Protein backbone atom coordinates (compact mmCIF):
# COMPACT_ATOMS: atom_id res chain seq x y z
CA MET A 1 -0.07 -0.07 -0.07
CA THR A 2 1.36 3.52 -0.97
CA PRO A 3 1.62 6.33 1.26
CA LEU A 4 -1.77 7.58 1.80
CA LEU A 5 -2.72 11.78 1.63
CA PHE A 6 -3.47 13.60 5.03
CA GLY A 7 -5.34 16.89 5.02
CA ILE A 8 -7.09 18.49 8.19
CA PHE A 9 -10.56 19.89 7.87
CA GLN A 10 -11.23 23.26 9.95
CA TYR A 11 -13.49 25.73 9.68
CA ILE A 12 -13.50 29.46 11.50
CA GLY A 13 -15.56 28.38 14.63
CA PRO A 14 -15.24 26.61 17.76
CA ASN A 15 -15.67 23.24 18.23
CA GLY A 16 -14.68 19.97 16.05
CA THR A 17 -17.52 18.43 14.02
CA VAL A 18 -18.96 15.92 16.71
CA GLY A 19 -20.29 17.55 19.58
CA SER A 20 -19.80 21.26 21.39
CA ALA A 21 -15.84 20.53 22.62
CA TRP A 22 -15.58 24.42 23.32
CA GLN A 23 -17.00 23.69 26.75
CA HIS A 24 -14.18 21.05 27.44
CA PRO A 25 -11.15 22.68 29.85
CA ARG A 26 -8.83 21.33 27.48
CA ASP A 27 -10.27 22.43 24.43
CA GLU A 28 -9.00 25.69 22.78
CA SER A 29 -10.94 26.04 19.45
CA ALA A 30 -13.12 29.48 20.96
CA ASN A 31 -9.84 30.99 20.44
CA PHE A 32 -10.66 31.28 16.48
CA THR A 33 -10.86 34.66 16.65
CA LYS A 34 -7.28 34.98 17.28
CA LEU A 35 -4.51 34.95 14.49
CA SER A 36 -1.81 33.24 17.12
CA HIS A 37 -4.64 30.36 17.23
CA TRP A 38 -4.17 29.34 13.48
CA THR A 39 -0.66 30.36 13.21
CA ALA A 40 -0.03 27.63 15.85
CA LEU A 41 -1.74 25.50 14.45
CA ALA A 42 -0.62 25.53 11.10
CA LYS A 43 3.04 25.25 12.24
CA LYS A 44 2.24 21.85 14.26
CA PHE A 45 0.74 20.39 11.21
CA GLU A 46 3.89 21.18 8.98
CA ASP A 47 5.89 19.88 11.48
CA ALA A 48 3.90 16.67 11.11
CA LYS A 49 4.29 16.74 7.36
CA LEU A 50 0.75 16.58 6.86
CA ASP A 51 -0.13 17.28 3.40
CA PHE A 52 -2.57 20.52 3.59
CA LEU A 53 -5.13 22.47 6.00
CA LEU A 54 -8.67 22.66 4.43
CA LEU A 55 -10.88 25.58 5.43
CA ALA A 56 -14.28 25.04 5.20
CA ASP A 57 -16.83 28.12 4.66
CA SER A 58 -20.42 28.70 3.74
CA TYR A 59 -21.97 32.44 4.46
CA GLY A 60 -25.20 30.38 5.50
CA PHE A 61 -26.13 29.28 9.11
CA PRO A 62 -28.53 26.79 10.63
CA ALA A 63 -31.93 28.11 10.43
CA LEU A 64 -35.43 26.59 9.86
CA GLU A 65 -38.07 28.60 8.17
CA GLY A 66 -36.25 31.90 8.67
CA GLU A 67 -35.70 31.37 12.24
CA LEU A 68 -32.34 30.50 13.78
CA ILE A 69 -32.30 27.01 15.56
CA GLU A 70 -31.55 27.94 19.05
CA ALA A 71 -29.53 24.52 19.83
CA SER A 72 -27.22 26.19 17.01
CA VAL A 73 -26.30 29.62 18.80
CA ARG A 74 -26.82 27.77 22.38
CA GLU A 75 -23.98 25.04 21.66
CA GLY A 76 -21.93 26.97 18.91
CA ARG A 77 -23.22 24.31 16.42
CA GLY A 78 -22.65 25.90 12.52
CA ILE A 79 -22.92 29.77 14.34
CA PRO A 80 -20.20 31.47 14.39
CA HIS A 81 -18.38 30.49 11.23
CA GLY A 82 -15.76 33.33 9.91
CA ASP A 83 -14.28 34.25 6.47
CA PRO A 84 -10.74 31.79 6.27
CA MET A 85 -9.62 34.08 3.18
CA PRO A 86 -7.79 36.71 5.43
CA LEU A 87 -5.94 33.96 7.35
CA ILE A 88 -4.08 32.54 4.20
CA SER A 89 -1.30 34.93 4.07
CA ALA A 90 -0.32 34.86 8.04
CA LEU A 91 -0.42 30.93 7.42
CA ALA A 92 1.96 30.79 4.81
CA ALA A 93 4.57 33.60 6.33
CA VAL A 94 4.77 31.13 8.83
CA THR A 95 5.17 27.87 7.02
CA GLU A 96 7.19 26.40 3.79
CA ARG A 97 5.64 23.89 3.08
CA LEU A 98 2.10 22.76 4.21
CA GLY A 99 -0.89 23.21 1.42
CA PHE A 100 -3.58 25.51 1.81
CA ILE A 101 -7.23 24.73 0.37
CA LEU A 102 -9.87 27.11 0.65
CA THR A 103 -13.75 26.94 -0.40
CA THR A 104 -15.54 29.37 -2.33
CA SER A 105 -19.03 29.06 -3.58
CA THR A 106 -19.71 29.08 -7.55
CA THR A 107 -23.06 31.22 -6.75
CA VAL A 108 -21.89 34.26 -4.40
CA GLU A 109 -19.08 36.46 -5.73
CA PRO A 110 -18.41 37.08 -9.17
CA PRO A 111 -15.58 34.39 -10.91
CA ALA A 112 -13.18 37.09 -12.26
CA ALA A 113 -13.06 38.03 -8.84
CA ASN A 114 -12.13 34.68 -7.47
CA ALA A 115 -9.74 34.03 -9.87
CA ARG A 116 -7.38 37.01 -8.94
CA ARG A 117 -8.26 36.42 -5.92
CA PHE A 118 -6.59 32.72 -5.68
CA ALA A 119 -3.89 33.51 -8.19
CA THR A 120 -2.82 36.24 -5.35
CA LEU A 121 -2.79 33.39 -3.07
CA ASP A 122 -1.08 31.11 -5.18
CA HIS A 123 1.74 33.92 -5.42
CA PHE A 124 2.08 34.43 -2.02
CA THR A 125 2.20 30.71 -0.81
CA GLU A 126 4.28 29.85 -3.76
CA GLY A 127 2.26 27.30 -5.14
CA ARG A 128 0.54 25.78 -2.28
CA ILE A 129 -3.34 26.69 -2.74
CA GLY A 130 -6.30 24.66 -3.58
CA TRP A 131 -9.61 25.77 -4.60
CA ASN A 132 -12.38 23.74 -2.97
CA ILE A 133 -15.20 24.60 -5.69
CA VAL A 134 -18.96 24.34 -3.55
CA THR A 135 -22.12 25.05 -5.32
CA GLY A 136 -23.70 26.34 -2.12
CA SER A 137 -23.71 25.07 1.86
CA SER A 138 -26.46 25.68 3.97
CA GLY A 139 -27.52 27.09 1.04
CA ALA A 140 -30.91 28.52 1.40
CA THR A 141 -29.86 30.87 4.16
CA ALA A 142 -26.90 32.11 2.34
CA ALA A 143 -28.84 32.67 -0.34
CA ALA A 144 -31.13 34.75 1.64
CA LEU A 145 -28.26 36.86 3.50
CA MET A 146 -27.09 37.56 -0.27
CA GLY A 147 -30.83 38.79 -1.13
CA LYS A 148 -30.68 35.96 -3.64
CA GLU A 149 -33.32 32.72 -4.40
CA LEU A 150 -31.89 29.72 -3.56
CA ILE A 151 -31.01 27.88 -7.02
CA ALA A 152 -32.19 24.06 -7.56
CA HIS A 153 -29.47 21.49 -6.80
CA ASP A 154 -28.70 20.52 -10.36
CA LEU A 155 -28.95 24.36 -11.72
CA ARG A 156 -26.36 25.11 -9.61
CA TYR A 157 -24.05 22.45 -11.18
CA ASP A 158 -24.68 23.55 -14.41
CA MET A 159 -23.55 27.40 -13.43
CA ALA A 160 -20.98 25.92 -11.83
CA GLU A 161 -19.64 24.53 -14.66
CA ASP A 162 -19.68 28.23 -16.59
CA TYR A 163 -17.92 29.61 -13.45
CA VAL A 164 -15.02 27.31 -13.40
CA ASP A 165 -14.72 27.90 -17.22
CA VAL A 166 -14.33 31.87 -16.72
CA ASN A 167 -11.70 30.84 -14.16
CA LEU A 168 -9.70 28.30 -16.38
CA THR A 169 -10.07 31.30 -19.08
CA LEU A 170 -8.26 33.55 -17.03
CA TRP A 171 -5.68 31.41 -15.41
CA GLU A 172 -4.41 29.55 -18.40
CA GLY A 173 -5.39 32.04 -21.16
CA SER A 174 -4.22 35.62 -20.09
CA TRP A 175 0.05 35.40 -19.91
CA GLU A 176 2.17 33.41 -21.90
CA ASP A 177 4.61 31.28 -19.68
CA ASP A 178 7.46 33.83 -20.87
CA ALA A 179 5.46 37.06 -20.53
CA LEU A 180 6.81 38.31 -17.63
CA VAL A 181 10.44 40.00 -18.52
CA LEU A 182 11.45 42.32 -15.80
CA ASP A 183 14.53 44.18 -17.67
CA LYS A 184 15.66 46.85 -15.88
CA GLU A 185 17.99 48.21 -18.58
CA SER A 186 15.32 48.30 -21.34
CA ALA A 187 12.18 49.27 -18.63
CA THR A 188 9.94 46.21 -19.94
CA TYR A 189 8.64 45.07 -17.53
CA ALA A 190 5.97 42.53 -19.70
CA ASP A 191 5.85 41.64 -23.53
CA PRO A 192 2.88 42.75 -24.73
CA GLU A 193 2.54 40.39 -27.47
CA LYS A 194 2.52 37.88 -24.85
CA VAL A 195 -0.39 39.22 -22.12
CA HIS A 196 -4.10 38.98 -23.75
CA LEU A 197 -7.29 39.83 -23.69
CA VAL A 198 -9.48 36.88 -22.88
CA HIS A 199 -13.11 36.78 -23.58
CA HIS A 200 -15.52 34.09 -22.31
CA GLU A 201 -19.24 33.94 -23.12
CA GLY A 202 -21.27 31.45 -21.71
CA PRO A 203 -24.66 30.50 -20.36
CA TYR A 204 -24.52 32.18 -17.31
CA PHE A 205 -21.39 33.80 -16.99
CA ARG A 206 -19.60 36.22 -18.95
CA THR A 207 -15.84 37.89 -18.54
CA ASP A 208 -13.69 40.16 -21.02
CA GLY A 209 -10.45 41.34 -20.08
CA ILE A 210 -7.22 39.78 -18.46
CA LEU A 211 -6.24 38.38 -15.01
CA ASN A 212 -3.91 41.31 -13.89
CA LEU A 213 -0.82 39.84 -12.75
CA PRO A 214 1.67 37.45 -13.85
CA PRO A 215 0.71 33.51 -13.75
CA SER A 216 1.31 32.28 -10.30
CA PRO A 217 3.52 29.28 -9.98
CA GLN A 218 0.20 26.67 -10.24
CA ARG A 219 -1.54 29.12 -13.33
CA THR A 220 -4.92 27.19 -11.84
CA PRO A 221 -4.36 26.36 -8.04
CA LEU A 222 -5.32 22.82 -7.36
CA LEU A 223 -9.15 22.14 -8.41
CA VAL A 224 -10.95 20.10 -5.34
CA GLN A 225 -14.61 19.46 -4.98
CA ALA A 226 -16.79 17.70 -2.39
CA GLY A 227 -19.99 16.08 -2.30
CA ALA A 228 -21.15 12.83 -3.98
CA SER A 229 -24.61 13.32 -5.75
CA GLY A 230 -24.80 11.88 -9.01
CA ARG A 231 -24.98 15.62 -10.33
CA GLY A 232 -21.81 16.40 -8.23
CA ARG A 233 -19.93 13.33 -9.60
CA ALA A 234 -20.06 13.93 -12.83
CA PHE A 235 -19.05 17.51 -12.15
CA ALA A 236 -15.92 16.15 -10.29
CA GLY A 237 -15.15 13.65 -13.37
CA ARG A 238 -15.06 16.87 -15.48
CA ASN A 239 -12.88 19.62 -13.11
CA ALA A 240 -11.70 17.92 -10.03
CA GLU A 241 -7.93 16.64 -9.05
CA ALA A 242 -9.21 15.47 -5.56
CA VAL A 243 -12.32 15.24 -4.25
CA PHE A 244 -13.62 14.49 -0.19
CA VAL A 245 -16.30 12.35 0.20
CA GLY A 246 -18.30 11.43 3.18
CA GLY A 247 -17.09 8.21 5.29
CA GLY A 248 -19.78 5.69 6.72
CA GLU A 249 -20.12 2.23 5.60
CA PRO A 250 -17.35 1.07 3.72
CA ALA A 251 -19.70 -0.46 0.94
CA THR A 252 -21.28 2.98 0.52
CA VAL A 253 -17.64 4.28 0.50
CA ALA A 254 -16.52 2.09 -2.15
CA ALA A 255 -19.42 2.69 -4.47
CA ASN A 256 -18.86 6.37 -4.36
CA VAL A 257 -14.99 6.17 -4.90
CA ALA A 258 -16.05 4.03 -8.07
CA GLY A 259 -18.35 6.35 -9.22
CA ILE A 260 -16.20 9.15 -9.04
CA ARG A 261 -13.32 7.44 -11.35
CA GLU A 262 -16.44 6.34 -13.71
CA SER A 263 -16.86 9.91 -13.75
CA ALA A 264 -13.48 11.01 -14.55
CA VAL A 265 -12.89 7.95 -17.43
CA ALA A 266 -16.17 9.08 -19.15
CA ALA A 267 -14.99 13.05 -18.91
CA GLY A 268 -11.81 11.23 -20.76
CA ARG A 269 -9.62 11.06 -18.11
CA PRO A 270 -7.88 8.70 -16.32
CA ALA A 271 -9.54 7.06 -13.60
CA ASP A 272 -6.60 7.92 -11.12
CA ALA A 273 -6.37 11.61 -12.10
CA ILE A 274 -8.75 12.31 -9.28
CA LYS A 275 -7.11 12.09 -5.86
CA ILE A 276 -10.54 10.95 -3.07
CA LEU A 277 -9.81 11.54 0.23
CA VAL A 278 -12.47 10.16 3.01
CA GLY A 279 -13.47 12.51 6.12
CA ALA A 280 -12.61 10.95 9.26
CA LEU A 281 -12.24 11.36 12.94
CA PHE A 282 -9.72 9.52 14.75
CA ILE A 283 -10.15 8.96 18.51
CA THR A 284 -6.77 7.42 19.84
CA ALA A 285 -5.08 6.90 23.30
CA PRO A 286 -2.10 4.61 24.24
CA THR A 287 -4.92 1.92 25.21
CA SER A 288 -8.01 0.92 23.78
CA ALA A 289 -9.53 1.49 27.66
CA GLU A 290 -8.52 5.05 27.21
CA ALA A 291 -9.59 5.96 23.55
CA TRP A 292 -13.04 4.76 24.48
CA ALA A 293 -13.26 6.65 27.44
CA LYS A 294 -12.73 9.88 25.13
CA HIS A 295 -15.07 8.97 22.72
CA GLU A 296 -17.86 8.48 25.45
CA GLU A 297 -16.71 11.89 26.83
CA MET A 298 -16.96 13.46 23.11
CA LEU A 299 -20.47 11.77 22.86
CA ALA A 300 -21.28 13.31 26.46
CA MET A 301 -21.04 16.70 24.63
CA SER A 302 -23.05 16.02 21.46
CA THR A 303 -26.72 16.49 22.21
CA PRO A 304 -29.02 15.42 19.95
CA GLU A 305 -30.82 18.98 19.22
CA GLY A 306 -26.94 20.47 18.02
CA ALA A 307 -27.00 17.10 15.66
CA ALA A 308 -30.19 17.89 14.23
CA ALA A 309 -29.12 21.87 14.06
CA ILE A 310 -26.12 20.86 11.76
CA TYR A 311 -28.28 18.51 9.71
CA ALA A 312 -30.99 20.77 9.47
CA GLY A 313 -28.53 23.80 7.75
CA ASN A 314 -27.00 21.41 5.65
CA THR A 315 -29.75 19.24 3.86
CA GLY A 316 -33.04 21.71 5.24
CA VAL A 317 -34.25 18.61 6.71
CA ASP A 318 -35.55 18.80 10.17
CA LEU A 319 -35.15 15.48 12.02
CA LEU A 320 -37.02 16.78 15.12
CA ALA A 321 -40.13 17.14 13.35
CA LEU A 322 -40.34 14.00 11.54
CA ASP A 323 -41.72 10.75 13.09
CA PRO A 324 -38.88 9.06 14.56
CA ASP A 325 -40.53 5.33 13.74
CA ARG A 326 -40.36 6.31 10.41
CA PRO A 327 -37.79 6.46 7.46
CA ILE A 328 -36.77 9.93 5.81
CA GLY A 329 -39.72 10.62 3.28
CA GLN A 330 -37.99 13.08 1.57
CA THR A 331 -35.26 11.99 -1.11
CA THR A 332 -34.25 15.15 -2.92
CA THR A 333 -33.28 18.10 -1.56
CA GLU A 334 -31.86 22.19 -3.08
CA MET A 335 -29.37 21.94 -0.60
CA GLY A 336 -27.11 19.11 0.63
CA GLN A 337 -28.52 16.32 -1.52
CA SER A 338 -25.18 13.93 -0.48
CA ASN A 339 -26.12 14.39 3.08
CA LEU A 340 -29.87 13.44 2.40
CA GLU A 341 -28.49 10.39 0.35
CA ARG A 342 -26.35 8.78 2.94
CA TYR A 343 -29.64 7.63 5.10
CA LEU A 344 -32.19 6.36 2.21
CA GLY A 345 -32.25 2.75 1.41
CA LYS A 346 -29.70 1.43 -0.90
CA ASP A 347 -29.04 -1.72 -2.90
CA GLY A 348 -32.24 -3.26 -1.59
CA LYS A 349 -31.32 -2.05 2.01
CA PRO A 350 -34.31 -0.54 3.80
CA ALA A 351 -33.71 3.05 5.12
CA PRO A 352 -33.17 3.42 8.61
CA LEU A 353 -35.65 5.03 10.97
CA VAL A 354 -35.25 8.66 11.71
CA ARG A 355 -34.32 7.95 15.28
CA ALA A 356 -31.31 5.71 13.63
CA VAL A 357 -30.43 8.64 11.52
CA LEU A 358 -29.85 11.09 14.19
CA GLU A 359 -28.14 8.84 16.50
CA ASN A 360 -25.67 8.27 13.66
CA PHE A 361 -25.29 11.69 12.84
CA ARG A 362 -24.66 12.67 16.62
CA ARG A 363 -22.14 10.25 16.64
CA THR A 364 -20.37 10.64 13.24
CA GLY A 365 -21.06 14.28 12.25
CA ILE A 366 -21.32 15.98 8.83
CA ASN A 367 -18.36 13.34 7.35
CA GLY A 368 -19.30 9.93 8.89
CA SER A 369 -16.61 7.86 9.98
CA VAL A 370 -14.95 7.74 13.42
CA PHE A 371 -12.32 5.37 14.41
CA VAL A 372 -11.59 4.75 17.61
CA GLY A 373 -8.87 2.65 19.83
CA SER A 374 -4.90 2.52 20.54
CA PRO A 375 -3.21 3.61 17.75
CA GLU A 376 -2.12 0.07 16.31
CA GLU A 377 -6.19 -0.38 16.75
CA VAL A 378 -6.93 2.95 14.59
CA VAL A 379 -3.88 2.25 12.10
CA ASP A 380 -5.46 -1.35 11.29
CA GLN A 381 -9.00 0.27 10.96
CA ILE A 382 -7.63 2.91 7.95
CA GLN A 383 -5.84 -0.03 6.48
CA GLU A 384 -8.93 -2.37 6.37
CA PHE A 385 -10.87 0.90 5.35
CA VAL A 386 -8.64 1.87 2.51
CA GLU A 387 -8.54 -1.81 1.55
CA ALA A 388 -12.43 -1.88 1.21
CA THR A 389 -12.53 1.83 -0.50
CA GLY A 390 -10.05 2.50 -2.48
CA VAL A 391 -9.44 5.98 -1.20
CA ASP A 392 -6.11 8.10 -1.58
CA GLY A 393 -6.16 9.43 2.00
CA PHE A 394 -8.07 10.65 4.92
CA LEU A 395 -9.57 14.08 5.42
CA ILE A 396 -9.17 14.40 9.47
CA GLN A 397 -11.75 15.97 11.71
CA PRO A 398 -11.24 17.24 14.52
CA HIS A 399 -12.64 16.74 18.08
CA MET A 400 -10.90 18.66 20.22
CA THR A 401 -8.20 21.36 19.78
CA PRO A 402 -5.12 20.68 19.78
CA ASP A 403 -5.80 17.36 21.54
CA THR A 404 -7.03 15.78 18.53
CA TYR A 405 -4.52 16.78 16.32
CA ASP A 406 -1.44 16.09 19.10
CA ASP A 407 -3.01 12.35 19.80
CA LEU A 408 -2.58 12.44 15.44
CA ILE A 409 0.88 13.07 14.97
CA GLU A 410 2.70 11.64 18.46
CA LEU A 411 0.80 8.58 18.53
CA ILE A 412 -0.90 7.39 14.99
CA LEU A 413 1.56 8.82 12.75
CA PRO A 414 4.62 7.14 14.16
CA VAL A 415 2.91 3.52 13.35
CA LEU A 416 1.68 4.99 10.10
CA ARG A 417 4.91 5.56 9.27
CA GLU A 418 6.20 2.09 10.20
CA ARG A 419 3.84 0.84 8.15
CA GLY A 420 4.76 2.49 5.06
CA LEU A 421 1.21 4.53 5.01
CA ALA A 422 2.78 7.78 5.61
CA ARG A 423 5.50 10.01 4.09
CA HIS A 424 8.36 10.72 6.41
CA GLU A 425 9.25 14.22 4.55
CA TYR A 426 7.61 16.47 1.99
CA GLU A 427 7.69 15.63 -1.87
CA GLY A 428 7.30 18.27 -4.61
CA ASP A 429 7.18 22.29 -4.08
CA THR A 430 3.44 23.15 -5.11
CA LEU A 431 0.30 21.36 -3.52
CA ARG A 432 -0.47 20.01 -7.11
CA GLU A 433 3.16 18.04 -6.86
CA ARG A 434 2.63 16.99 -3.48
CA MET A 435 -0.64 15.32 -4.45
CA PHE A 436 0.54 14.05 -7.95
CA PRO A 437 4.12 13.30 -7.35
CA GLY A 438 6.39 13.23 -10.49
CA GLY A 439 3.89 15.48 -12.23
CA GLY A 440 4.23 18.77 -12.63
CA PRO A 441 3.00 22.23 -11.06
CA HIS A 442 0.50 22.84 -13.68
CA LEU A 443 -3.08 21.13 -14.88
CA PRO A 444 -1.54 18.04 -16.90
CA GLU A 445 -2.92 17.36 -20.68
CA SER A 446 -5.40 15.02 -19.44
CA HIS A 447 -7.33 18.24 -17.72
CA ARG A 448 -9.58 19.92 -19.69
CA GLY A 449 -8.72 23.17 -18.28
CA TYR A 450 -5.33 22.58 -20.29
CA ASP A 451 -6.90 23.32 -23.44
CA PHE A 452 -7.57 26.94 -21.84
CA ARG A 453 -4.15 27.57 -21.95
CA ILE A 454 -2.81 30.38 -25.13
CA GLY A 455 -2.70 28.84 -28.70
CA ARG A 456 -5.36 25.75 -27.47
CA ARG A 457 -8.46 27.24 -27.74
CA GLN A 458 -9.53 29.02 -31.53
């Protein structure tokens, strides 16, 4: 088994992904408004040779029928939630190799603004930036906040295709590789013949102009996507270089992995052109008994009301308002389709009852897999999960900050490295080279974005 990829999942707020850990005496997540909190974490992750830090984001918040969900406010679940963009320059200044993946939506800001911001950050990080492309998270409240109507789920993906095309047009088509001259003797900053106005007229977005700064180390940031709905998989097959999938039953994860790889092939790309990472929480301690005690402590801070608030904010479905002894009757949503499909009957199996859905979500959170045990037991579980699903790595969720990370670094990583499942050192200068060792910093020819390069599009 080759070394796995390991990224960290965080958002700019308190708590981990299961429960309300901010209330614990050792938890420091309530310091999320302090820059020193984040720079310390970034340095910790880089010292451990972890691949990247993903910062989730959404303008939305848990609400139902126009009213805030009280448990969300009281427990700090989904409220508050800050903007990760201002963090990156500070984190880049205290690190040299750690990658950063940022989440932005294709339904909020104009695509040209998104392109310029990511290109700037790719320069400032010297090629360590990725874009987690989302079409909407907590979509109803985000749309209302921006004074817009909620866009239908599949239409959002149609719009996202066009949105990505605008970004690719600007990143790949504005400047030739050798356009930047910087010749002081001739007073030539750039060769005007090699800087080009670009034009894109799509069904939803248009742009006429240039990306107003020279190409960054990666040109296009690493393109990332999350979500396993049918339309999401098709989008990933065409665009994504990495996909984050929710955890849960290995058979379900394996089916999602197979579907994503099939989508890549259908788009004319190799099946392994997409790295797939699964969301997971590792609870460990020197002994199994101690680890399970930590797990029970975590669950004591995870209420059904708090879990229901997060589920409602993501899917629009209020579990507490449904008959607990019946399955979820709703099969589609214009919001988080993946977390609704997660609890529908599949492959001849009956759908779980609402009470079981709520309890599972209370215990496992939005990303779905929790591994508990001694370091050796957790690594055994990791190895079995990878063999059963074919995933390329894990997007690690926090429970307690920084305890979850300290346990990962001090207890789990040494065992992973002993078994050849984690790298000892960083490879590659850019985030793309880290994810695809042996490749270059730019989009490969197999990715459709390569054809946006100057001279390739007619």
